[in-house]
Amino acid sequence: MELAEIIKDARKAAGLTQKELADHAGVAKNLVYDLEKGKMTVRYENILKVVDVLNIKIEYISPLGNRNA
């Protein structure tokens, strides 16, 4: 599963809109939109803010992580 899908699925499962997720993470709404569309021009520290709010383990989204753990 790609990062964009992981974030979108987790946001929907949490019952959050893009704006609500952005507000909780302290980032702009368009950043969440860009993440969900797979635009990888987003700074890593902002990705970390978003995945933290969604309780996604960084190991799960890291290309070096073990997704089966």
C-alpha atoms as a PDB file:
ATOM      1  CA  MET A   1       0.000   0.000   0.000  1.00  0.00           C
ATOM      2  CA  GLU A   2       1.310   3.443  -0.898  1.00  0.00           C
ATOM      3  CA  LEU A   3       1.734   6.270   1.613  1.00  0.00           C
ATOM      4  CA  ALA A   4      -1.118   8.244   0.027  1.00  0.00           C
ATOM      5  CA  GLU A   5      -3.535   5.336   0.509  1.00  0.00           C
ATOM      6  CA  ILE A   6      -2.346   4.651   4.048  1.00  0.00           C
ATOM      7  CA  ILE A   7      -2.927   8.254   5.111  1.00  0.00           C
ATOM      8  CA  LYS A   8      -6.284   8.581   3.373  1.00  0.00           C
ATOM      9  CA  ASP A   9      -7.565   5.280   4.779  1.00  0.00           C
ATOM     10  CA  ALA A  10      -6.355   6.124   8.294  1.00  0.00           C
ATOM     11  CA  ARG A  11      -7.910   9.610   8.135  1.00  0.00           C
ATOM     12  CA  LYS A  12     -11.261   8.195   7.057  1.00  0.00           C
ATOM     13  CA  ALA A  13     -11.106   5.458   9.704  1.00  0.00           C
ATOM     14  CA  ALA A  14     -10.491   8.175  12.306  1.00  0.00           C
ATOM     15  CA  GLY A  15     -13.565  10.043  11.039  1.00  0.00           C
ATOM     16  CA  LEU A  16     -11.592  13.168  10.169  1.00  0.00           C
ATOM     17  CA  THR A  17     -11.883  15.526   7.242  1.00  0.00           C
ATOM     18  CA  GLN A  18      -8.729  16.744   5.540  1.00  0.00           C
ATOM     19  CA  LYS A  19      -9.155  20.082   7.297  1.00  0.00           C
ATOM     20  CA  GLU A  20      -9.618  18.465  10.716  1.00  0.00           C
ATOM     21  CA  LEU A  21      -6.519  16.326  10.224  1.00  0.00           C
ATOM     22  CA  ALA A  22      -4.539  19.363   9.118  1.00  0.00           C
ATOM     23  CA  ASP A  23      -5.714  21.335  12.159  1.00  0.00           C
ATOM     24  CA  HIS A  24      -4.778  18.524  14.567  1.00  0.00           C
ATOM     25  CA  ALA A  25      -1.364  18.117  12.919  1.00  0.00           C
ATOM     26  CA  GLY A  26      -0.665  21.847  12.703  1.00  0.00           C
ATOM     27  CA  VAL A  27      -0.226  21.801   8.940  1.00  0.00           C
ATOM     28  CA  ALA A  28      -2.047  23.354   5.995  1.00  0.00           C
ATOM     29  CA  LYS A  29      -5.085  21.568   4.511  1.00  0.00           C
ATOM     30  CA  ASN A  30      -3.452  21.527   1.082  1.00  0.00           C
ATOM     31  CA  LEU A  31      -0.577  19.520   2.570  1.00  0.00           C
ATOM     32  CA  VAL A  32      -2.983  16.734   3.566  1.00  0.00           C
ATOM     33  CA  TYR A  33      -4.537  16.917   0.092  1.00  0.00           C
ATOM     34  CA  ASP A  34      -1.091  16.666  -1.522  1.00  0.00           C
ATOM     35  CA  LEU A  35      -0.174  13.683   0.658  1.00  0.00           C
ATOM     36  CA  GLU A  36      -3.362  11.867  -0.261  1.00  0.00           C
ATOM     37  CA  LYS A  37      -2.759  12.547  -3.951  1.00  0.00           C
ATOM     38  CA  GLY A  38       0.770  11.167  -3.748  1.00  0.00           C
ATOM     39  CA  LYS A  39       2.562  14.456  -4.345  1.00  0.00           C
ATOM     40  CA  MET A  40       5.853  13.818  -2.619  1.00  0.00           C
ATOM     41  CA  THR A  41       7.014  17.418  -2.388  1.00  0.00           C
ATOM     42  CA  VAL A  42       5.870  17.437   1.250  1.00  0.00           C
ATOM     43  CA  ARG A  43       8.600  17.915   3.850  1.00  0.00           C
ATOM     44  CA  TYR A  44       9.377  14.842   5.934  1.00  0.00           C
ATOM     45  CA  GLU A  45       8.744  16.603   9.241  1.00  0.00           C
ATOM     46  CA  ASN A  46       5.226  17.484   8.068  1.00  0.00           C
ATOM     47  CA  ILE A  47       4.577  13.870   7.088  1.00  0.00           C
ATOM     48  CA  LEU A  48       5.633  12.895  10.617  1.00  0.00           C
ATOM     49  CA  LYS A  49       3.122  15.359  12.100  1.00  0.00           C
ATOM     50  CA  VAL A  50       0.297  13.845  10.066  1.00  0.00           C
ATOM     51  CA  VAL A  51       1.152  10.207  10.767  1.00  0.00           C
ATOM     52  CA  ASP A  52       1.544  11.013  14.469  1.00  0.00           C
ATOM     53  CA  VAL A  53      -2.026  12.325  14.653  1.00  0.00           C
ATOM     54  CA  LEU A  54      -3.245   9.199  12.854  1.00  0.00           C
ATOM     55  CA  ASN A  55      -1.199   6.893  15.114  1.00  0.00           C
ATOM     56  CA  ILE A  56       0.582   5.355  12.136  1.00  0.00           C
ATOM     57  CA  LYS A  57       3.920   3.804  13.073  1.00  0.00           C
ATOM     58  CA  ILE A  58       6.734   5.406  11.107  1.00  0.00           C
ATOM     59  CA  GLU A  59       8.147   1.931  10.472  1.00  0.00           C
ATOM     60  CA  TYR A  60       5.005   1.137   8.505  1.00  0.00           C
ATOM     61  CA  ILE A  61       5.450   3.992   6.042  1.00  0.00           C
ATOM     62  CA  SER A  62       9.236   3.959   5.829  1.00  0.00           C
ATOM     63  CA  PRO A  63      10.719   2.235   2.802  1.00  0.00           C
ATOM     64  CA  LEU A  64      13.225   0.681   5.215  1.00  0.00           C
ATOM     65  CA  GLY A  65      10.582  -0.436   7.697  1.00  0.00           C
ATOM     66  CA  ASN A  66       9.236  -3.933   8.111  1.00  0.00           C
ATOM     67  CA  ARG A  67       5.584  -3.735   7.106  1.00  0.00           C
ATOM     68  CA  ASN A  68       4.906  -7.243   8.344  1.00  0.00           C
ATOM     69  CA  ALA A  69       5.910  -6.520  11.947  1.00  0.00           C
END
